Amino acid sequence: MLKERIFAATKQLESDLVFVGINVVDVFSQDIFTADVAVHDGLFVGIGDYQGLGRTEVDGGGKYIVPGFIDGHAHIESALVTPVEYGNTCLPHGVTAVIADPHEIANVSGVAGIEFIIENSRRVAMDFYIMLPSCVPATAFEHSGCVLNARDLHPLYGYKEVTGLAEVMNLPAVVQADPEMLEKIADALKAGRTIDGHMAGFTLDQLNAYATANIRTDHECDSGQGLIDRVRRGIYTLVREGTVCKDLVKMVPAINTGNAPMLCFATDDKHLDELVRDGGVDCNVRLAIANGIKPATAIQMASLNTARCYNLRNIGGIAPGYKADFSIVSDLEGLVIDQVYKNGSLVAEKGRVLKRVEPDVHQVPKELLTSVTLPEVGEDDLQIDMKGCSRANIIEIVPGTIVSNHLVEEVEQQDGRFRISTDRDQLKVCVIERHNNLGHMATGIVKGLRLKKGAIATTIAHDSHNLIVVGARETDMVTAVSALAEMAGGIVVVDDGEVLASLKLEISGLITSRKGEEVVNDLKRVHEALEKLAPECRFNPVLALSFLSLVVIPQIKISDSGLFDFATFSFIEVPVGA
C-alpha cells in the first residue's frame, strides 16, 4: 500500500481521484491557494500538478477543498440517538470525526454503556474518538446509577478508539490531590492520552492547578478574558456553540491568528433537530466567519487544531500522507458543503448521506433497556415546608448558558408551604433518584422558564441523570413522573392531567435506537406542546431543565439530595433563615 501511495505521489502511478485546479484551504498556514489535489488508497498523496493522472478527475474550478471537521467535545447522548444515527446526521455537514465523551450513559449504565457507544460507533463511517468519563458520579452530592473508579477505567484504554480521560469536573478532588483522582490522571498520562478539563468559573489559581495536573483542555470558557487566561497556561480552549451554551460570539474579540492554534470548536450538547437543521461544528465555523474570523482560521479551529490537541496523527489537513477526509465547498464565506468524502470515498452529497446505516435495537444490551426504577410519587411528596420563613433560595435560569443565578425572593405560601406562582414565575422543580429506587428526592424553586401551566419531565438530568420534573401544577408533575415510568425514560410534556407530547428514550433513559426522522418528529411535537405551556420562553426549556441538576456549574443547582450552593459547595435549605 505504501509503495503504491509513493508511486502515486511521484506520478509513476495513477491516483484514484484527482481534483483539478481546486482552491485548497491550507489550515497549516491559515491561507488559500489553487492546485491539483491527488487522493490514493484513502489518503492524500499529492498537491501540485496532477491533471491527467487520476482514474477519476473532477474539475475543481471555483470550489474549495477543506479538511473534514472534528467536533472537539460532544456528548452523543445529547443528540438523543445512537452513534450510528449521530454519524448519519453529521457526515452530510462535513463533520467526519468527533471527540465523544460518553459521560452521560456511563453515569447510568457504567462500563456497559461506554462499551455500547464504542461498539455501535464502529458501524458508521464517521470516526468516534472516545474519552473515558473521569467523574462518575460527578460529585458525592448526588446518586448516579454507577460508580467508576480508576480500576474500572484502566482496561478500557485497550480499545483503539479511546483517546483520553474525559472532562475532569471534580475540582475539590484535583486541588486536594484525592488519591483516586490522581490515579485516573496518572493512568491517562501513562497511556499517553489527553486529559480534558471542566473549568467553569475557575480562578487563576484553579486554572494553574489543573494545568499543573496536565489537564489540557476546557470547553466551559465563556469570555474573551477567560480564553486568554487559558491559552497563556497552555490550555486548549474549545469554543462551544451548542443548543444551550452559546459562547462563540462572546469570545470572538479575543481570537487572533496568534492564539488560534490553541483553539478548537465544540458543540458539547446539541439536540438532533438542531444538528439536522444547523449542523455540528460546521455551524461554529459559519458563525465565526460571519463574525469576522478569517475562513481559513475558522476551518483550522474545526480540524487541524483538534487533531493536534488530541494527538491524532495525520488527520485534520489537506496534505500528503493525511487521511482523505474532506468536503468540497462551493461558497466559502457561507460554508456551503456540496460533497463530503471519508477515506477518499464520497459519503454524502447535497446534505444527504449516501449510504445510510440503520440503527438496530437488537444490538442494545438488555441491561441498558431497564434503567428507570421509580417510587410512587404523590402531591405530598412535592411540598416545600417554608419553616416559618417568608423568603426562599431560588434557582434562576440564565438563557444561553448552563450557569444559573442564585436569587433570594419573597414567595407565596399556603398552610406554611411554598405555593407555586406563575405570576412571579416561581415554579416547583423536583429531582427523583431513578436508578436503584433508593427513595432520594428533593424539591426546590426555579425561575426563568415562564411556564404558565402544566409540567415537563425528563430522565435527562446532568450529570447523574435522575428524573427531573418542573411544573406549574403539582398534579401535572405527578402525572409526568408516572408517564416517564411507563415509558422507561425520555421526555414528557403534560397539561391538565393529559400527556401532550413525549419522546421515548429506551436506552439508559437517554437515547433511542429509532431513526432520526422519527426522533425529529417527536421533538417537533414536544416543542409545539411547550409553546402552549410556555409561550414566552425563548430558549429550549427541556435542555435548560436538564442542566438544573448539574451541581458542578455555578451558582445554584438541585440534585436528588437537595438544593446545592456552588459557592460553598454544600447543600442549603430552600427557606432563607430556617
Protein backbone atom coordinates (compact mmCIF):
# COMPACT_ATOMS: atom_id res chain seq x y z
CA MET A 1 0.00 0.00 0.00
CA LEU A 2 2.73 2.48 0.97
CA LYS A 3 4.61 1.65 -2.20
CA GLU A 4 1.56 2.45 -4.32
CA ARG A 5 1.00 5.72 -2.49
CA ILE A 6 4.59 6.78 -3.05
CA PHE A 7 4.32 5.88 -6.75
CA ALA A 8 1.07 7.87 -7.00
CA ALA A 9 2.71 10.84 -5.26
CA THR A 10 5.68 10.73 -7.71
CA LYS A 11 3.35 10.28 -10.72
CA GLN A 12 4.61 6.80 -11.52
CA LEU A 13 1.09 5.50 -10.91
CA GLU A 14 -2.39 6.89 -11.47
CA SER A 15 -4.14 8.19 -8.36
CA ASP A 16 -7.65 7.01 -7.50
CA LEU A 17 -9.01 10.55 -7.53
CA VAL A 18 -7.73 13.96 -8.62
CA PHE A 19 -9.35 17.35 -8.13
CA VAL A 20 -8.03 19.67 -10.82
CA GLY A 21 -7.49 23.37 -10.14
CA ILE A 22 -9.27 23.47 -6.79
CA ASN A 23 -8.83 26.08 -4.06
CA VAL A 24 -7.06 24.42 -1.13
CA VAL A 25 -7.85 25.74 2.33
CA ASP A 26 -4.43 25.45 3.95
CA VAL A 27 -5.00 25.07 7.69
CA PHE A 28 -1.26 24.82 8.36
CA SER A 29 -0.63 28.44 7.37
CA GLN A 30 -4.23 29.75 7.50
CA ASP A 31 -4.12 30.50 3.78
CA ILE A 32 -5.78 29.51 0.48
CA PHE A 33 -4.05 28.55 -2.78
CA THR A 34 -5.01 26.81 -6.04
CA ALA A 35 -3.60 23.44 -7.07
CA ASP A 36 -4.47 19.90 -8.11
CA VAL A 37 -5.10 17.50 -5.22
CA ALA A 38 -4.48 13.76 -5.61
CA VAL A 39 -6.03 11.02 -3.45
CA HIS A 40 -4.99 7.37 -3.43
CA ASP A 41 -5.88 4.47 -1.17
CA GLY A 42 -7.80 6.69 1.24
CA LEU A 43 -5.01 9.24 1.74
CA PHE A 44 -3.92 12.48 0.14
CA VAL A 45 -0.77 11.75 -1.87
CA GLY A 46 -0.09 14.94 -3.77
CA ILE A 47 -0.66 18.67 -4.10
CA GLY A 48 0.62 20.27 -7.30
CA ASP A 49 0.14 19.32 -10.96
CA TYR A 50 -1.73 16.02 -11.25
CA GLN A 51 -4.04 16.70 -14.19
CA GLY A 52 -4.39 13.60 -16.38
CA LEU A 53 -3.07 11.35 -13.63
CA GLY A 54 -6.30 10.34 -11.92
CA ARG A 55 -8.53 7.36 -12.62
CA THR A 56 -11.32 9.77 -11.73
CA GLU A 57 -10.80 13.50 -12.25
CA VAL A 58 -13.03 16.30 -11.01
CA ASP A 59 -12.87 19.91 -12.17
CA GLY A 60 -12.39 21.96 -9.01
CA GLY A 61 -12.72 25.33 -10.70
CA GLY A 62 -14.29 27.88 -8.35
CA LYS A 63 -14.65 25.38 -5.49
CA TYR A 64 -12.76 24.77 -2.27
CA ILE A 65 -11.44 21.64 -0.60
CA VAL A 66 -11.49 21.79 3.20
CA PRO A 67 -10.46 19.19 5.79
CA GLY A 68 -13.10 17.07 7.46
CA PHE A 69 -14.31 18.77 10.62
CA ILE A 70 -13.65 17.29 14.07
CA ASP A 71 -16.01 18.16 16.91
CA GLY A 72 -13.67 18.78 19.84
CA HIS A 73 -16.10 17.74 22.57
CA ALA A 74 -19.56 16.24 22.28
CA HIS A 75 -21.90 14.08 24.29
CA ILE A 76 -23.56 11.86 21.69
CA GLU A 77 -26.35 11.21 24.18
CA SER A 78 -27.45 14.86 23.95
CA ALA A 79 -28.49 14.18 20.36
CA LEU A 80 -30.86 11.55 21.82
CA VAL A 81 -29.80 8.90 19.29
CA THR A 82 -27.20 6.15 18.93
CA PRO A 83 -23.75 6.81 17.43
CA VAL A 84 -24.95 5.24 14.18
CA GLU A 85 -27.72 7.80 13.78
CA TYR A 86 -25.42 10.59 15.00
CA GLY A 87 -23.00 9.71 12.21
CA ASN A 88 -25.79 9.57 9.62
CA THR A 89 -26.74 13.08 10.69
CA CYS A 90 -23.31 14.74 10.99
CA LEU A 91 -21.50 13.39 7.94
CA PRO A 92 -23.51 15.48 5.43
CA HIS A 93 -22.38 18.56 7.38
CA GLY A 94 -18.71 17.79 6.78
CA VAL A 95 -18.16 16.51 10.33
CA THR A 96 -16.08 13.37 9.80
CA ALA A 97 -14.90 12.83 13.39
CA VAL A 98 -15.91 13.61 16.95
CA ILE A 99 -14.18 13.55 20.32
CA ALA A 100 -17.00 11.87 22.23
CA ASP A 101 -17.45 11.77 25.98
CA PRO A 102 -19.96 9.04 26.96
CA HIS A 103 -20.19 10.56 30.42
CA GLU A 104 -23.99 10.58 30.36
CA ILE A 105 -24.57 6.91 29.62
CA ALA A 106 -21.71 5.96 31.95
CA ASN A 107 -23.48 7.65 34.85
CA VAL A 108 -26.49 5.42 34.20
CA SER A 109 -25.04 2.17 32.89
CA GLY A 110 -21.32 2.25 33.69
CA VAL A 111 -18.81 0.28 31.63
CA ALA A 112 -21.63 -1.46 29.71
CA GLY A 113 -22.82 1.94 28.50
CA ILE A 114 -19.33 3.01 27.38
CA GLU A 115 -18.77 -0.26 25.54
CA PHE A 116 -22.13 0.07 23.80
CA ILE A 117 -21.14 3.51 22.48
CA ILE A 118 -17.79 2.19 21.23
CA GLU A 119 -19.24 -0.91 19.55
CA ASN A 120 -22.16 0.95 17.99
CA SER A 121 -19.90 3.70 16.61
CA ARG A 122 -17.92 1.16 14.59
CA ARG A 123 -20.90 0.61 12.28
CA VAL A 124 -20.78 4.07 10.71
CA ALA A 125 -18.15 5.83 8.53
CA MET A 126 -17.66 8.73 10.93
CA ASP A 127 -14.73 8.40 13.35
CA PHE A 128 -15.57 8.37 17.06
CA TYR A 129 -12.65 9.06 19.40
CA ILE A 130 -13.76 8.13 22.92
CA MET A 131 -12.76 9.90 26.12
CA LEU A 132 -13.21 7.84 29.28
CA PRO A 133 -15.54 9.52 31.80
CA SER A 134 -13.44 10.75 34.72
CA CYS A 135 -16.17 11.64 37.18
CA VAL A 136 -18.89 9.04 37.61
CA PRO A 137 -20.61 10.33 39.59
CA ALA A 138 -19.52 13.93 39.07
CA THR A 139 -19.58 14.56 42.80
CA ALA A 140 -20.63 12.84 46.00
CA PHE A 141 -23.66 15.14 46.23
CA GLU A 142 -25.94 13.04 44.01
CA HIS A 143 -26.79 9.42 43.34
CA SER A 144 -25.92 8.05 39.91
CA GLY A 145 -26.58 4.62 38.50
CA CYS A 146 -22.94 3.66 38.67
CA VAL A 147 -19.56 4.47 40.18
CA LEU A 148 -16.45 4.20 38.01
CA ASN A 149 -13.08 4.04 39.71
CA ALA A 150 -9.63 4.07 38.15
CA ARG A 151 -9.56 0.26 38.19
CA ASP A 152 -12.80 0.22 36.17
CA LEU A 153 -11.44 2.60 33.53
CA HIS A 154 -7.95 1.19 33.18
CA PRO A 155 -8.86 -1.84 30.98
CA LEU A 156 -10.78 0.42 28.59
CA TYR A 157 -7.55 2.04 27.39
CA GLY A 158 -7.16 -1.18 25.42
CA TYR A 159 -9.83 -0.02 22.96
CA LYS A 160 -8.21 1.62 19.94
CA GLU A 161 -10.91 4.30 19.94
CA VAL A 162 -10.06 5.53 23.45
CA THR A 163 -8.24 8.84 23.16
CA GLY A 164 -8.03 10.10 26.72
CA LEU A 165 -9.67 10.95 30.02
CA ALA A 166 -12.85 13.00 29.71
CA GLU A 167 -13.71 16.26 31.41
CA VAL A 168 -12.39 16.34 34.96
CA MET A 169 -15.15 18.25 36.74
CA ASN A 170 -14.45 17.40 40.36
CA LEU A 171 -12.38 20.47 41.29
CA PRO A 172 -12.04 19.59 45.00
CA ALA A 173 -10.66 16.15 44.11
CA VAL A 174 -7.93 17.76 42.00
CA VAL A 175 -6.89 20.62 44.29
CA GLN A 176 -6.97 18.33 47.34
CA ALA A 177 -4.98 15.68 45.45
CA ASP A 178 -7.54 12.95 46.03
CA PRO A 179 -5.71 9.63 45.50
CA GLU A 180 -8.46 8.14 43.31
CA MET A 181 -8.48 11.17 41.00
CA LEU A 182 -4.68 11.27 40.84
CA GLU A 183 -4.70 7.59 39.84
CA LYS A 184 -7.09 8.30 36.96
CA ILE A 185 -4.89 11.17 35.78
CA ALA A 186 -1.73 9.07 36.11
CA ASP A 187 -3.26 6.22 34.11
CA ALA A 188 -4.17 8.57 31.27
CA LEU A 189 -0.70 10.12 31.20
CA LYS A 190 0.97 6.71 31.32
CA ALA A 191 -1.13 5.69 28.31
CA GLY A 192 -0.03 8.88 26.51
CA ARG A 193 -3.57 10.25 26.25
CA THR A 194 -5.07 13.73 26.54
CA ILE A 195 -6.95 14.83 29.66
CA ASP A 196 -9.98 17.11 29.29
CA GLY A 197 -10.92 19.76 31.81
CA HIS A 198 -14.14 21.32 33.02
CA MET A 199 -13.16 24.73 34.35
CA ALA A 200 -16.40 26.64 34.81
CA GLY A 201 -15.95 29.72 37.00
CA PHE A 202 -12.32 28.92 37.81
CA THR A 203 -9.95 31.38 39.45
CA LEU A 204 -6.44 31.77 38.03
CA ASP A 205 -5.06 29.63 40.86
CA GLN A 206 -7.51 26.87 39.99
CA LEU A 207 -6.55 27.07 36.31
CA ASN A 208 -2.92 26.77 37.40
CA ALA A 209 -3.73 23.68 39.46
CA TYR A 210 -5.46 21.96 36.54
CA ALA A 211 -2.64 22.81 34.12
CA THR A 212 -0.11 21.51 36.65
CA ALA A 213 -2.09 18.24 36.72
CA ASN A 214 -1.70 18.05 32.90
CA ILE A 215 -5.38 18.73 32.31
CA ARG A 216 -5.02 20.44 28.95
CA THR A 217 -8.44 21.38 27.56
CA ASP A 218 -11.53 23.29 28.63
CA HIS A 219 -14.91 23.74 26.97
CA GLU A 220 -16.52 25.79 29.76
CA CYS A 221 -14.87 29.12 28.85
CA ASP A 222 -17.47 31.81 28.11
CA SER A 223 -15.49 35.06 27.83
CA GLY A 224 -12.63 36.58 25.90
CA GLN A 225 -10.54 37.09 29.01
CA GLY A 226 -11.17 33.50 30.04
CA LEU A 227 -9.87 32.38 26.65
CA ILE A 228 -6.71 34.47 27.08
CA ASP A 229 -6.13 33.15 30.60
CA ARG A 230 -6.39 29.54 29.45
CA VAL A 231 -4.18 29.89 26.37
CA ARG A 232 -1.50 31.61 28.46
CA ARG A 233 -1.40 28.46 30.58
CA GLY A 234 -1.13 26.09 27.64
CA ILE A 235 -4.76 25.01 27.90
CA TYR A 236 -6.55 24.30 24.63
CA THR A 237 -9.83 26.21 24.66
CA LEU A 238 -12.79 24.52 22.98
CA VAL A 239 -15.06 27.31 21.76
CA ARG A 240 -18.56 25.98 22.30
CA GLU A 241 -21.79 26.53 20.40
CA GLY A 242 -24.50 24.05 21.32
CA THR A 243 -28.22 24.02 21.97
CA VAL A 244 -27.99 25.59 25.43
CA CYS A 245 -24.47 27.04 25.70
CA LYS A 246 -23.73 29.59 23.01
CA ASP A 247 -20.33 31.04 23.83
CA LEU A 248 -18.71 31.69 20.46
CA VAL A 249 -19.77 35.25 19.70
CA LYS A 250 -18.70 36.42 23.18
CA MET A 251 -15.21 35.04 22.59
CA VAL A 252 -14.62 36.28 19.03
CA PRO A 253 -12.94 39.58 20.06
CA ALA A 254 -10.18 37.61 21.81
CA ILE A 255 -9.45 35.29 18.83
CA ASN A 256 -6.50 36.11 16.57
CA THR A 257 -4.07 34.27 14.29
CA GLY A 258 -1.57 34.09 17.16
CA ASN A 259 -3.75 32.18 19.62
CA ALA A 260 -5.95 30.38 17.06
CA PRO A 261 -3.76 27.22 17.04
CA MET A 262 -4.72 26.73 20.72
CA LEU A 263 -8.44 26.97 19.92
CA CYS A 264 -10.88 24.29 18.75
CA PHE A 265 -14.61 24.17 18.12
CA ALA A 266 -17.07 22.02 20.05
CA THR A 267 -20.82 21.53 20.36
CA ASP A 268 -20.84 19.79 23.77
CA ASP A 269 -24.61 19.21 23.92
CA LYS A 270 -26.81 19.56 20.83
CA HIS A 271 -30.25 18.09 20.14
CA LEU A 272 -30.81 16.09 16.97
CA ASP A 273 -33.26 18.55 15.41
CA GLU A 274 -30.65 21.32 15.62
CA LEU A 275 -27.93 19.03 14.26
CA VAL A 276 -30.14 18.26 11.27
CA ARG A 277 -31.08 21.90 10.70
CA ASP A 278 -27.89 23.78 11.60
CA GLY A 279 -25.17 21.15 11.66
CA GLY A 280 -22.46 20.43 14.21
CA VAL A 281 -19.15 22.30 14.34
CA ASP A 282 -19.75 23.42 10.76
CA CYS A 283 -22.28 25.74 12.40
CA ASN A 284 -19.46 27.09 14.61
CA VAL A 285 -17.36 27.74 11.50
CA ARG A 286 -20.15 29.66 9.75
CA LEU A 287 -20.85 31.72 12.85
CA ALA A 288 -17.15 32.52 13.32
CA ILE A 289 -16.78 33.64 9.70
CA ALA A 290 -19.95 35.74 9.96
CA ASN A 291 -18.43 37.45 12.99
CA GLY A 292 -15.17 38.37 11.28
CA ILE A 293 -12.89 35.36 11.74
CA LYS A 294 -10.89 34.58 8.58
CA PRO A 295 -12.32 31.44 6.89
CA ALA A 296 -9.00 29.57 6.91
CA THR A 297 -8.58 30.32 10.61
CA ALA A 298 -12.12 29.19 11.47
CA ILE A 299 -11.63 25.98 9.48
CA GLN A 300 -8.30 25.36 11.23
CA MET A 301 -10.12 25.57 14.57
CA ALA A 302 -12.56 22.90 13.38
CA SER A 303 -9.95 20.48 12.07
CA LEU A 304 -6.16 20.58 12.50
CA ASN A 305 -6.16 22.17 15.95
CA THR A 306 -8.47 19.49 17.34
CA ALA A 307 -6.38 16.72 15.81
CA ARG A 308 -3.23 18.14 17.38
CA CYS A 309 -4.93 18.71 20.73
CA TYR A 310 -5.88 15.03 20.94
CA ASN A 311 -2.68 13.66 19.36
CA LEU A 312 -4.49 12.35 16.30
CA ARG A 313 -1.84 11.79 13.68
CA ASN A 314 -2.30 12.58 10.01
CA ILE A 315 -5.84 13.92 10.09
CA GLY A 316 -7.26 17.43 10.02
CA GLY A 317 -5.46 18.85 6.98
CA ILE A 318 -5.18 18.70 3.21
CA ALA A 319 -1.63 17.33 2.91
CA PRO A 320 0.19 14.28 1.51
CA GLY A 321 0.05 11.37 3.96
CA TYR A 322 -3.05 12.73 5.70
CA LYS A 323 -6.31 10.80 5.76
CA ALA A 324 -8.52 11.90 2.88
CA ASP A 325 -11.44 13.16 4.97
CA PHE A 326 -12.66 16.36 3.34
CA SER A 327 -15.51 18.41 1.95
CA ILE A 328 -15.99 20.19 -1.34
CA VAL A 329 -17.39 23.66 -0.71
CA SER A 330 -18.94 25.95 -3.34
CA ASP A 331 -19.25 29.07 -1.14
CA LEU A 332 -16.52 29.51 1.45
CA GLU A 333 -17.99 32.52 3.27
CA GLY A 334 -21.32 30.74 3.70
CA LEU A 335 -19.65 27.32 4.01
CA VAL A 336 -21.98 25.66 1.51
CA ILE A 337 -20.96 21.99 1.55
CA ASP A 338 -21.65 20.18 -1.73
CA GLN A 339 -19.93 16.86 -1.07
CA VAL A 340 -18.27 15.04 1.82
CA TYR A 341 -15.56 12.39 1.43
CA LYS A 342 -14.39 9.91 4.07
CA ASN A 343 -11.18 7.94 3.49
CA GLY A 344 -11.24 9.18 -0.10
CA SER A 345 -14.77 7.93 -0.85
CA LEU A 346 -17.86 10.05 -1.37
CA VAL A 347 -20.20 9.53 1.62
CA ALA A 348 -22.59 12.50 1.46
CA GLU A 349 -23.86 14.90 -1.17
CA LYS A 350 -26.15 17.92 -1.09
CA GLY A 351 -26.98 17.45 2.56
CA ARG A 352 -27.77 13.72 2.46
CA VAL A 353 -25.73 10.68 3.47
CA LEU A 354 -25.38 8.32 0.52
CA LYS A 355 -25.17 5.02 2.39
CA ARG A 356 -27.34 5.25 5.44
CA VAL A 357 -26.61 2.81 8.26
CA GLU A 358 -29.78 1.72 10.04
CA PRO A 359 -29.93 1.65 13.85
CA ASP A 360 -30.58 -1.76 15.37
CA VAL A 361 -32.36 -2.15 18.70
CA HIS A 362 -31.37 -5.82 18.81
CA GLN A 363 -27.73 -4.80 19.35
CA VAL A 364 -28.57 -2.97 22.59
CA PRO A 365 -27.67 -4.92 25.78
CA LYS A 366 -30.81 -5.71 27.80
CA GLU A 367 -29.40 -4.09 30.92
CA LEU A 368 -29.43 -0.71 29.12
CA LEU A 369 -33.17 -1.05 28.46
CA THR A 370 -34.23 -1.31 32.11
CA SER A 371 -32.62 1.73 33.73
CA VAL A 372 -35.68 3.53 35.11
CA THR A 373 -36.85 2.39 38.56
CA LEU A 374 -39.03 4.92 40.38
CA PRO A 375 -41.01 5.08 43.62
CA GLU A 376 -44.67 6.06 43.72
CA VAL A 377 -44.81 9.87 43.82
CA GLY A 378 -47.77 11.90 45.09
CA GLU A 379 -48.50 15.60 45.52
CA ASP A 380 -47.47 15.50 49.19
CA ASP A 381 -44.00 14.35 48.18
CA LEU A 382 -43.53 17.59 46.24
CA GLN A 383 -44.27 20.01 49.08
CA ILE A 384 -41.73 22.53 50.42
CA ASP A 385 -42.05 23.40 54.11
CA MET A 386 -41.12 27.08 54.49
CA LYS A 387 -40.45 26.60 58.23
CA GLY A 388 -41.95 29.96 59.12
CA CYS A 389 -39.78 31.90 56.64
CA SER A 390 -41.09 34.31 54.01
CA ARG A 391 -38.09 34.22 51.65
CA ALA A 392 -36.55 31.37 49.68
CA ASN A 393 -33.39 30.43 47.80
CA ILE A 394 -34.34 30.24 44.13
CA ILE A 395 -32.61 28.88 41.02
CA GLU A 396 -32.82 31.40 38.16
CA ILE A 397 -32.20 30.10 34.65
CA VAL A 398 -29.90 32.26 32.50
CA PRO A 399 -30.76 31.86 28.78
CA GLY A 400 -27.87 30.83 26.55
CA THR A 401 -25.81 29.28 29.33
CA ILE A 402 -25.97 26.47 31.88
CA VAL A 403 -24.86 28.84 34.63
CA SER A 404 -27.73 29.81 36.94
CA ASN A 405 -28.25 32.80 39.23
CA HIS A 406 -28.82 32.41 42.97
CA LEU A 407 -31.82 34.54 43.93
CA VAL A 408 -33.43 35.19 47.29
CA GLU A 409 -37.08 36.28 46.95
CA GLU A 410 -40.33 36.53 48.82
CA VAL A 411 -42.62 33.63 47.98
CA GLU A 412 -46.31 32.86 48.28
CA GLN A 413 -47.38 30.28 50.87
CA GLN A 414 -50.35 28.15 51.81
CA ASP A 415 -50.52 26.42 55.18
CA GLY A 416 -46.82 27.15 55.71
CA ARG A 417 -45.82 25.56 52.43
CA PHE A 418 -44.46 27.19 49.27
CA ARG A 419 -47.20 27.86 46.71
CA ILE A 420 -46.40 27.95 43.00
CA SER A 421 -46.87 31.39 41.43
CA THR A 422 -46.88 31.71 37.66
CA ASP A 423 -47.32 35.49 38.06
CA ARG A 424 -43.97 35.62 39.85
CA ASP A 425 -42.56 32.89 37.60
CA GLN A 426 -41.80 30.79 40.68
CA LEU A 427 -42.26 27.11 39.82
CA LYS A 428 -41.52 23.85 41.57
CA VAL A 429 -38.66 21.64 40.40
CA CYS A 430 -38.03 18.15 41.77
CA VAL A 431 -35.22 15.63 41.24
CA ILE A 432 -36.03 11.96 41.93
CA GLU A 433 -33.42 9.20 42.06
CA ARG A 434 -34.37 6.76 39.30
CA HIS A 435 -31.58 4.16 39.10
CA ASN A 436 -31.93 1.93 42.15
CA ASN A 437 -35.21 3.07 43.74
CA LEU A 438 -33.36 4.49 46.75
CA GLY A 439 -36.15 6.93 47.56
CA HIS A 440 -33.99 10.06 47.35
CA MET A 441 -36.00 13.09 46.28
CA ALA A 442 -35.58 16.88 46.61
CA THR A 443 -37.84 19.79 45.65
CA GLY A 444 -36.84 23.40 45.04
CA ILE A 445 -37.98 26.59 43.34
CA VAL A 446 -36.97 27.68 39.84
CA LYS A 447 -37.47 30.94 37.97
CA GLY A 448 -36.98 31.76 34.29
CA LEU A 449 -38.89 29.01 32.49
CA ARG A 450 -42.04 31.17 32.35
CA LEU A 451 -44.24 28.09 32.43
CA LYS A 452 -47.90 29.18 32.63
CA LYS A 453 -49.42 25.74 33.18
CA GLY A 454 -48.69 22.02 33.09
CA ALA A 455 -45.40 20.20 33.71
CA ILE A 456 -42.27 18.97 31.93
CA ALA A 457 -40.29 15.90 32.99
CA THR A 458 -37.26 14.04 31.67
CA THR A 459 -34.79 11.33 32.64
CA ILE A 460 -32.04 13.51 31.14
CA ALA A 461 -30.69 15.41 34.16
CA HIS A 462 -26.98 16.10 34.10
CA ASP A 463 -24.85 14.53 35.30
CA SER A 464 -26.30 11.61 37.23
CA HIS A 465 -29.42 11.58 35.05
CA ASN A 466 -32.05 11.10 37.67
CA LEU A 467 -35.59 12.15 36.84
CA ILE A 468 -36.20 15.90 36.91
CA VAL A 469 -39.65 17.48 36.71
CA VAL A 470 -40.80 21.10 36.73
CA GLY A 471 -44.37 22.29 36.91
CA ALA A 472 -46.95 24.99 37.42
CA ARG A 473 -49.28 22.38 38.99
CA GLU A 474 -48.35 19.54 41.33
CA THR A 475 -50.99 17.24 39.83
CA ASP A 476 -49.39 17.57 36.40
CA MET A 477 -45.94 16.96 37.88
CA VAL A 478 -47.20 13.67 39.35
CA THR A 479 -48.75 12.70 36.00
CA ALA A 480 -45.46 13.47 34.20
CA VAL A 481 -43.46 11.31 36.60
CA SER A 482 -45.89 8.42 36.17
CA ALA A 483 -45.77 8.75 32.37
CA LEU A 484 -41.96 8.59 32.34
CA ALA A 485 -42.01 5.49 34.50
CA GLU A 486 -44.29 3.78 31.97
CA MET A 487 -42.10 4.92 29.04
CA ALA A 488 -38.90 3.65 30.72
CA GLY A 489 -37.32 7.04 30.16
CA GLY A 490 -37.47 10.03 27.88
CA ILE A 491 -39.17 13.42 27.77
CA VAL A 492 -42.82 14.19 28.51
CA VAL A 493 -44.99 17.32 28.43
CA VAL A 494 -48.23 17.28 30.45
CA ASP A 495 -51.16 19.67 30.90
CA ASP A 496 -54.35 19.19 32.90
CA GLY A 497 -53.59 15.53 33.50
CA GLU A 498 -53.01 14.76 29.82
CA VAL A 499 -49.75 13.87 28.08
CA LEU A 500 -49.50 16.39 25.23
CA ALA A 501 -46.26 15.07 23.75
CA SER A 502 -43.48 12.64 24.56
CA LEU A 503 -40.21 11.24 23.29
CA LYS A 504 -39.34 7.70 24.37
CA LEU A 505 -35.65 7.17 25.17
CA GLU A 506 -35.39 3.50 25.98
CA ILE A 507 -31.60 3.14 26.11
CA SER A 508 -30.45 4.13 29.62
CA GLY A 509 -33.27 6.68 29.64
CA LEU A 510 -31.08 8.89 27.44
CA ILE A 511 -31.12 7.78 23.81
CA THR A 512 -33.20 5.77 21.37
CA SER A 513 -32.38 3.29 18.61
CA ARG A 514 -35.11 4.72 16.39
CA LYS A 515 -34.42 6.55 13.13
CA GLY A 516 -33.53 10.21 13.23
CA GLU A 517 -36.62 11.26 11.30
CA GLU A 518 -38.87 9.76 13.95
CA VAL A 519 -36.95 11.46 16.73
CA VAL A 520 -37.09 14.84 14.98
CA ASN A 521 -40.84 14.46 14.52
CA ASP A 522 -41.30 13.62 18.22
CA LEU A 523 -39.12 16.60 19.16
CA LYS A 524 -41.27 18.83 16.97
CA ARG A 525 -44.38 17.70 18.83
CA VAL A 526 -42.62 18.28 22.15
CA HIS A 527 -41.67 21.82 21.12
CA GLU A 528 -45.22 22.52 19.95
CA ALA A 529 -46.56 21.36 23.30
CA LEU A 530 -44.01 23.51 25.14
CA GLU A 531 -45.18 26.55 23.17
CA LYS A 532 -48.62 26.04 24.70
CA LEU A 533 -47.26 25.76 28.21
CA ALA A 534 -44.60 28.48 28.00
CA PRO A 535 -45.37 30.81 25.07
CA GLU A 536 -42.97 33.47 26.37
CA CYS A 537 -39.96 31.13 26.68
CA ARG A 538 -37.32 31.93 24.03
CA PHE A 539 -34.95 29.02 24.64
CA ASN A 540 -35.17 25.23 24.81
CA PRO A 541 -36.84 24.59 28.19
CA VAL A 542 -36.15 20.84 28.16
CA LEU A 543 -32.41 21.31 27.81
CA ALA A 544 -32.42 24.15 30.33
CA LEU A 545 -34.28 21.87 32.76
CA SER A 546 -31.80 19.05 32.21
CA PHE A 547 -28.91 21.20 33.46
CA LEU A 548 -30.56 22.42 36.66
CA SER A 549 -29.15 19.36 38.45
CA LEU A 550 -25.55 19.86 37.29
CA VAL A 551 -24.05 20.78 40.66
CA VAL A 552 -20.53 21.42 39.30
CA ILE A 553 -21.78 24.54 37.46
CA PRO A 554 -22.36 27.90 39.23
CA GLN A 555 -24.28 29.22 41.06
CA ILE A 556 -27.13 27.14 42.47
CA LYS A 557 -28.50 23.74 41.40
CA ILE A 558 -30.57 20.87 42.75
CA SER A 559 -29.80 17.16 42.99
CA ASP A 560 -31.81 14.26 44.38
CA SER A 561 -30.16 15.04 47.74
CA GLY A 562 -31.16 18.71 47.97
CA LEU A 563 -30.57 22.31 46.93
CA PHE A 564 -26.87 22.90 46.23
CA ASP A 565 -24.86 26.12 46.54
CA PHE A 566 -21.82 26.16 44.21
CA ALA A 567 -20.09 28.99 46.11
CA THR A 568 -19.84 26.96 49.31
CA PHE A 569 -20.00 23.58 47.54
CA SER A 570 -22.59 22.44 50.04
CA PHE A 571 -26.32 21.90 50.45
CA ILE A 572 -28.57 24.71 51.62
CA GLU A 573 -32.20 24.92 52.74
CA VAL A 574 -34.87 26.29 50.41
CA PRO A 575 -36.27 28.63 53.12
CA VAL A 576 -33.94 31.53 53.97
CA GLY A 577 -33.42 31.94 57.71
CA ALA A 578 -34.65 28.50 58.68
